[in-house]
N, C-alpha and C. Protein backbone atom coordinates (compact mmCIF):
# COMPACT_ATOMS: atom_id res chain seq x y z
N UNK A 1 51.90 -7.56 -29.15
CA UNK A 1 50.11 -7.82 -29.37
C UNK A 1 49.51 -7.37 -30.74
N UNK A 2 49.22 -7.41 -32.19
CA UNK A 2 48.40 -6.46 -32.75
C UNK A 2 47.12 -6.05 -32.20
N UNK A 3 47.01 -4.58 -32.62
CA UNK A 3 44.97 -4.19 -32.20
C UNK A 3 44.61 -4.30 -33.73
N UNK A 4 43.10 -4.73 -33.05
CA UNK A 4 42.64 -4.99 -34.07
C UNK A 4 42.19 -3.59 -34.55
N UNK A 5 41.71 -3.50 -35.76
CA UNK A 5 41.10 -2.31 -36.34
C UNK A 5 39.33 -2.53 -37.26
N UNK A 6 39.01 -1.45 -36.85
CA UNK A 6 37.50 -1.84 -37.83
C UNK A 6 37.41 -1.00 -38.76
N UNK A 7 36.92 -0.43 -39.70
CA UNK A 7 37.19 0.13 -41.12
C UNK A 7 35.18 0.40 -41.07
N UNK A 8 34.91 1.63 -40.65
CA UNK A 8 33.66 2.30 -40.90
C UNK A 8 33.39 2.53 -41.84
N UNK A 9 34.34 3.14 -43.02
CA UNK A 9 34.16 3.54 -43.97
C UNK A 9 32.72 3.32 -44.92
N UNK A 10 32.30 3.98 -44.93
CA UNK A 10 31.11 4.04 -46.13
C UNK A 10 29.94 2.91 -44.94
N UNK A 11 29.73 3.33 -43.55
CA UNK A 11 28.68 3.13 -42.57
C UNK A 11 28.37 4.31 -41.78
N UNK A 12 27.14 4.62 -41.73
CA UNK A 12 26.70 5.55 -40.41
C UNK A 12 26.79 5.27 -39.21
N UNK A 13 27.39 6.92 -38.28
CA UNK A 13 27.46 6.69 -36.88
C UNK A 13 26.09 6.82 -36.31
N UNK A 14 25.49 6.01 -35.14
CA UNK A 14 24.18 6.20 -35.12
C UNK A 14 23.79 7.20 -34.38
N UNK A 15 25.17 8.08 -34.48
CA UNK A 15 24.35 9.15 -33.10
C UNK A 15 24.17 10.24 -35.00
N UNK A 16 24.44 9.96 -35.95
CA UNK A 16 23.89 10.86 -36.73
C UNK A 16 22.13 10.24 -37.49
N UNK A 17 21.95 9.24 -36.95
CA UNK A 17 20.57 9.16 -37.35
C UNK A 17 19.82 10.37 -36.56
N UNK A 18 18.62 10.02 -37.38
CA UNK A 18 17.64 11.04 -36.42
C UNK A 18 16.94 10.86 -35.66
N UNK A 19 16.62 11.60 -34.79
CA UNK A 19 16.05 10.80 -33.29
C UNK A 19 14.17 10.75 -33.41
N UNK A 20 13.43 9.82 -33.61
CA UNK A 20 12.17 9.54 -33.86
C UNK A 20 11.36 10.16 -32.18
N UNK A 21 10.08 11.13 -33.35
CA UNK A 21 9.38 11.97 -31.79
C UNK A 21 8.29 10.53 -31.51
N UNK A 22 7.36 10.24 -30.21
CA UNK A 22 6.65 9.56 -30.11
C UNK A 22 5.41 9.89 -31.37
N UNK A 23 5.24 11.25 -31.67
CA UNK A 23 4.09 11.18 -32.96
C UNK A 23 4.61 10.91 -34.38
N UNK A 24 5.49 11.38 -34.66
CA UNK A 24 6.66 10.89 -36.13
C UNK A 24 6.20 8.76 -35.85
N UNK A 25 6.75 8.04 -34.39
CA UNK A 25 6.42 6.94 -34.23
C UNK A 25 5.08 6.37 -34.51
N UNK A 26 4.40 7.46 -34.01
CA UNK A 26 3.15 6.63 -33.76
C UNK A 26 2.12 7.17 -35.25
N UNK A 27 2.53 8.22 -36.36
CA UNK A 27 2.23 7.99 -37.55
C UNK A 27 2.63 6.36 -38.52
N UNK A 28 3.94 6.69 -38.12
CA UNK A 28 4.46 4.96 -38.55
C UNK A 28 3.58 3.34 -38.15
N UNK A 29 3.52 3.98 -37.36
CA UNK A 29 2.55 2.71 -36.94
C UNK A 29 1.50 2.79 -37.26
N UNK A 30 0.62 4.15 -37.56
CA UNK A 30 -0.73 3.79 -37.67
C UNK A 30 -0.93 3.51 -39.69
N UNK A 31 0.59 3.90 -40.14
CA UNK A 31 0.71 3.69 -41.55
C UNK A 31 0.66 2.00 -42.02
N UNK A 32 0.91 1.08 -40.74
CA UNK A 32 1.55 0.20 -40.92
C UNK A 32 0.35 -0.95 -40.00
N UNK A 33 -0.61 -0.18 -39.59
CA UNK A 33 -1.85 -0.77 -39.22
C UNK A 33 -2.99 -0.77 -39.82
N UNK A 34 -2.72 0.06 -40.96
CA UNK A 34 -3.52 0.90 -42.09
C UNK A 34 -3.20 -0.20 -43.02
N UNK A 35 -2.47 -0.81 -43.30
CA UNK A 35 -1.84 -2.16 -44.42
C UNK A 35 -1.05 -2.04 -45.58
N UNK A 36 -0.11 -1.09 -45.02
CA UNK A 36 1.10 -0.53 -45.72
C UNK A 36 1.83 -1.94 -44.98
N UNK A 37 2.76 -2.17 -45.75
CA UNK A 37 4.04 -3.28 -45.58
C UNK A 37 4.85 -2.85 -44.58
N UNK A 38 5.35 -3.93 -44.42
CA UNK A 38 6.76 -3.32 -43.05
C UNK A 38 7.64 -3.09 -43.84
N UNK A 39 8.25 -4.20 -44.73
CA UNK A 39 9.38 -3.85 -45.35
C UNK A 39 9.01 -2.35 -46.36
N UNK A 40 8.05 -2.44 -46.98
CA UNK A 40 8.15 -0.90 -47.62
C UNK A 40 8.14 0.34 -46.77
N UNK A 41 7.78 0.11 -45.46
CA UNK A 41 7.96 1.29 -44.73
C UNK A 41 9.18 1.32 -44.06
N UNK A 42 10.49 0.29 -44.00
CA UNK A 42 11.63 0.52 -43.61
C UNK A 42 12.23 1.07 -44.51
N UNK A 43 12.01 0.36 -45.72
CA UNK A 43 13.07 0.84 -47.12
C UNK A 43 13.07 2.64 -47.01
N UNK A 44 11.31 2.96 -47.00
CA UNK A 44 11.27 4.00 -47.47
C UNK A 44 11.53 4.84 -46.62
N UNK A 45 11.47 4.92 -45.34
CA UNK A 45 11.83 5.95 -43.50
C UNK A 45 13.59 5.59 -43.20
N UNK A 46 13.87 4.46 -43.90
CA UNK A 46 15.18 4.40 -43.30
C UNK A 46 15.13 3.51 -41.75
N UNK A 47 14.69 2.97 -41.62
CA UNK A 47 14.00 2.82 -40.75
C UNK A 47 14.27 0.84 -40.39
N UNK A 48 15.05 0.20 -39.21
CA UNK A 48 15.45 -0.82 -39.47
C UNK A 48 13.48 -1.61 -38.86
N UNK A 49 13.44 -3.16 -39.76
CA UNK A 49 11.90 -3.46 -39.91
C UNK A 49 11.63 -3.80 -38.48
N UNK A 50 13.09 -4.39 -37.51
CA UNK A 50 12.52 -4.74 -36.48
C UNK A 50 12.02 -3.74 -35.41
N UNK A 51 12.99 -2.67 -35.75
CA UNK A 51 12.48 -0.92 -34.37
C UNK A 51 10.76 -0.98 -35.46
N UNK A 52 10.35 -0.96 -36.10
CA UNK A 52 8.89 -0.29 -36.35
C UNK A 52 8.13 -1.45 -35.97
N UNK A 53 8.83 -3.05 -36.03
CA UNK A 53 7.87 -3.71 -35.37
C UNK A 53 7.68 -3.38 -34.08
N UNK A 54 8.78 -2.89 -33.37
CA UNK A 54 8.67 -2.97 -31.51
C UNK A 54 8.07 -1.56 -31.74
N UNK A 55 7.86 -0.71 -32.16
CA UNK A 55 7.07 0.12 -32.24
C UNK A 55 5.58 -0.23 -32.10
N UNK A 56 5.30 -1.02 -32.86
CA UNK A 56 4.00 -0.99 -33.32
C UNK A 56 3.12 -2.27 -32.07
N UNK A 57 4.07 -3.11 -31.71
CA UNK A 57 4.00 -3.57 -30.33
C UNK A 57 4.17 -3.20 -28.97
N UNK A 58 4.63 -2.01 -28.84
CA UNK A 58 4.55 -1.11 -27.63
C UNK A 58 3.32 -0.71 -27.51
N UNK A 59 2.99 0.15 -28.95
CA UNK A 59 1.63 1.17 -29.11
C UNK A 59 0.16 -0.20 -29.01
N UNK A 60 0.90 -1.07 -29.06
CA UNK A 60 -0.58 -2.18 -28.68
C UNK A 60 -0.65 -2.23 -27.91
N UNK A 61 0.23 -2.76 -27.21
CA UNK A 61 0.53 -3.18 -25.67
C UNK A 61 -0.54 -1.63 -24.73
N UNK A 62 -0.01 -0.65 -25.03
CA UNK A 62 0.13 0.20 -24.41
C UNK A 62 -1.42 0.77 -24.41
N UNK A 63 -2.20 0.68 -25.59
CA UNK A 63 -3.72 0.62 -26.06
C UNK A 63 -4.34 -0.23 -25.11
N UNK A 64 -3.83 -1.57 -25.21
CA UNK A 64 -4.48 -2.77 -24.09
C UNK A 64 -4.81 -2.43 -23.02
N UNK A 65 -3.95 -1.97 -22.21
CA UNK A 65 -3.93 -1.90 -21.21
C UNK A 65 -4.45 -0.39 -20.52
N UNK A 66 -4.76 0.33 -21.60
CA UNK A 66 -5.63 1.84 -21.59
C UNK A 66 -7.30 1.00 -21.45
N UNK A 67 -7.48 0.36 -22.18
CA UNK A 67 -8.92 -0.43 -22.18
C UNK A 67 -8.87 -0.93 -21.33
N UNK A 68 -8.07 -1.33 -20.35
CA UNK A 68 -8.62 -2.55 -19.00
C UNK A 68 -9.68 -1.16 -18.19
N UNK A 69 -9.12 -0.27 -18.26
CA UNK A 69 -9.67 0.85 -17.21
C UNK A 69 -9.01 1.34 -16.27
N UNK A 70 -8.44 0.31 -15.64
CA UNK A 70 -7.56 0.68 -14.42
C UNK A 70 -6.13 0.41 -14.67
N UNK A 71 -5.29 1.29 -14.23
CA UNK A 71 -3.67 1.26 -14.68
C UNK A 71 -3.31 -0.07 -13.72
N UNK A 72 -2.45 -0.86 -13.98
CA UNK A 72 -1.33 -1.36 -13.23
C UNK A 72 -0.97 -0.77 -12.42
N UNK A 73 -1.57 -1.67 -11.12
CA UNK A 73 -0.76 -0.99 -9.66
C UNK A 73 0.45 -1.44 -9.08
N UNK A 74 1.15 -0.74 -8.91
CA UNK A 74 2.67 -0.77 -8.03
C UNK A 74 1.97 -1.01 -6.66
N UNK A 75 3.24 -1.71 -6.16
CA UNK A 75 3.06 -1.57 -4.62
C UNK A 75 3.08 -0.11 -3.79
N UNK A 76 3.91 0.78 -4.27
CA UNK A 76 3.61 2.02 -3.97
C UNK A 76 2.23 2.61 -4.15
N UNK A 77 1.95 2.48 -5.51
CA UNK A 77 0.32 2.70 -5.65
C UNK A 77 -0.60 2.61 -4.50
N UNK A 78 -0.48 1.38 -4.03
CA UNK A 78 -1.14 0.59 -3.48
C UNK A 78 -1.18 1.46 -1.77
N UNK A 79 0.14 1.33 -1.37
CA UNK A 79 0.58 2.17 -0.30
C UNK A 79 -0.05 3.64 -0.03
N UNK A 80 0.50 4.10 -1.40
CA UNK A 80 -0.18 5.67 -1.10
C UNK A 80 -1.52 5.67 -0.74
N UNK A 81 -2.79 4.81 -1.95
CA UNK A 81 -4.24 4.87 -1.85
C UNK A 81 -4.47 4.56 -0.37
N UNK A 82 -3.78 3.48 0.38
CA UNK A 82 -3.65 3.25 1.89
C UNK A 82 -3.72 4.50 2.85
N UNK A 83 -2.63 5.42 2.38
CA UNK A 83 -2.50 6.16 3.53
C UNK A 83 -3.17 7.40 3.16
N UNK A 84 -3.07 7.68 2.13
CA UNK A 84 -4.23 8.38 1.70
C UNK A 84 -5.94 8.70 2.11
N UNK A 85 -6.16 7.18 2.22
CA UNK A 85 -7.37 6.48 3.29
C UNK A 85 -7.28 6.94 4.57
N UNK A 86 -6.51 6.99 5.15
CA UNK A 86 -6.16 6.89 6.44
C UNK A 86 -5.93 8.31 7.03
N UNK A 87 -5.68 8.70 5.97
CA UNK A 87 -5.27 10.61 6.29
C UNK A 87 -7.02 10.79 6.56
N UNK A 88 -7.96 10.53 5.61
CA UNK A 88 -9.06 10.66 5.71
C UNK A 88 -10.05 10.23 6.81
N UNK A 89 -9.51 8.89 6.80
CA UNK A 89 -10.00 8.67 8.30
C UNK A 89 -10.13 9.83 9.53
N UNK A 90 -8.76 10.06 9.98
CA UNK A 90 -8.20 10.83 10.70
C UNK A 90 -8.82 12.25 10.43
N UNK A 91 -9.32 12.93 9.71
CA UNK A 91 -9.32 13.83 9.53
C UNK A 91 -10.52 13.95 9.88
N UNK A 92 -11.24 13.26 9.27
CA UNK A 92 -12.68 12.98 9.73
C UNK A 92 -13.21 13.06 11.34
N UNK A 93 -12.04 12.39 11.83
CA UNK A 93 -12.44 11.64 13.37
C UNK A 93 -12.02 12.92 14.16
N UNK A 94 -11.04 13.94 13.61
CA UNK A 94 -10.45 15.24 14.09
C UNK A 94 -11.95 16.09 14.43
N UNK A 95 -12.48 16.00 13.56
CA UNK A 95 -13.33 17.14 12.86
C UNK A 95 -14.51 16.50 13.81
N UNK A 96 -14.81 15.14 13.82
CA UNK A 96 -16.12 15.40 15.02
C UNK A 96 -15.43 15.23 16.42
N UNK A 97 -14.50 14.95 16.76
CA UNK A 97 -14.01 15.73 18.13
C UNK A 97 -13.62 17.39 18.24
N UNK A 98 -13.99 17.68 17.29
CA UNK A 98 -13.46 19.04 17.65
C UNK A 98 -14.95 19.69 17.43
N UNK A 99 -16.23 19.11 16.73
CA UNK A 99 -17.80 19.30 17.48
C UNK A 99 -18.23 19.17 18.86
N UNK A 100 -17.51 17.96 19.08
CA UNK A 100 -17.92 17.53 20.68
C UNK A 100 -17.28 18.16 21.34
N UNK A 101 -15.99 18.94 21.45
CA UNK A 101 -15.24 19.46 22.10
C UNK A 101 -15.93 20.66 22.40
N UNK A 102 -16.30 21.58 21.09
CA UNK A 102 -17.19 23.11 20.88
C UNK A 102 -18.19 22.92 21.77
N UNK A 103 -19.29 21.77 21.51
CA UNK A 103 -20.71 21.59 22.72
C UNK A 103 -20.01 21.24 23.62
N UNK A 104 -18.65 21.20 24.51
CA UNK A 104 -18.86 20.96 26.23
C UNK A 104 -18.24 22.32 26.63
N UNK A 105 -17.78 23.01 25.29
CA UNK A 105 -17.07 24.21 25.80
C UNK A 105 -15.47 24.45 26.28
N UNK A 106 -15.13 23.28 25.56
CA UNK A 106 -13.58 23.29 25.87
C UNK A 106 -12.90 23.61 24.28
N UNK A 107 -12.06 24.27 24.29
CA UNK A 107 -10.86 24.37 23.04
C UNK A 107 -10.06 23.22 22.28
N UNK A 108 -9.79 22.79 21.42
CA UNK A 108 -9.40 22.23 21.07
C UNK A 108 -8.30 22.92 20.17
N UNK A 109 -7.21 22.42 19.88
CA UNK A 109 -6.61 21.48 20.87
C UNK A 109 -6.66 21.96 22.00
N UNK A 110 -6.10 21.75 23.41
CA UNK A 110 -6.19 22.25 24.81
C UNK A 110 -5.54 23.46 24.86
N UNK A 111 -5.85 24.48 26.01
CA UNK A 111 -4.55 25.17 26.66
C UNK A 111 -3.73 24.86 27.02
N UNK A 112 -2.73 25.52 27.16
CA UNK A 112 -1.74 24.60 27.65
C UNK A 112 -1.94 25.04 29.42
N UNK A 113 -1.56 24.21 30.53
CA UNK A 113 -1.60 25.13 31.65
C UNK A 113 -0.44 25.71 31.97
N UNK A 114 -0.70 26.86 32.12
CA UNK A 114 0.77 28.22 32.96
C UNK A 114 1.41 26.86 33.88
N UNK A 115 2.73 27.39 33.78
CA UNK A 115 3.32 26.86 34.82
C UNK A 115 4.04 27.61 36.49
């Protein structure tokens, strides 16, 4: 059985390409939104046009979410808010019971009875 070989001569390894920071991506997206042509930016920067278009779409989607005022809530976020509300209620209730106990001369929590 013959093995296939791939000729990588003349092609760049994906690991040799520089990583783009969020700030650099934002600069590219803003240039695109200001009217520069996608193809021209792609050629100038050596980045595929589809990748720059994806950065633009992600940038606009994130901006749209931010303008909604409220972040999309997950089930965990909802459960956390519910737990925090319950803790607040119980804390308030404990404070009320402590005040009632003080007025009656009882210590809270009650002292343990000697054996």
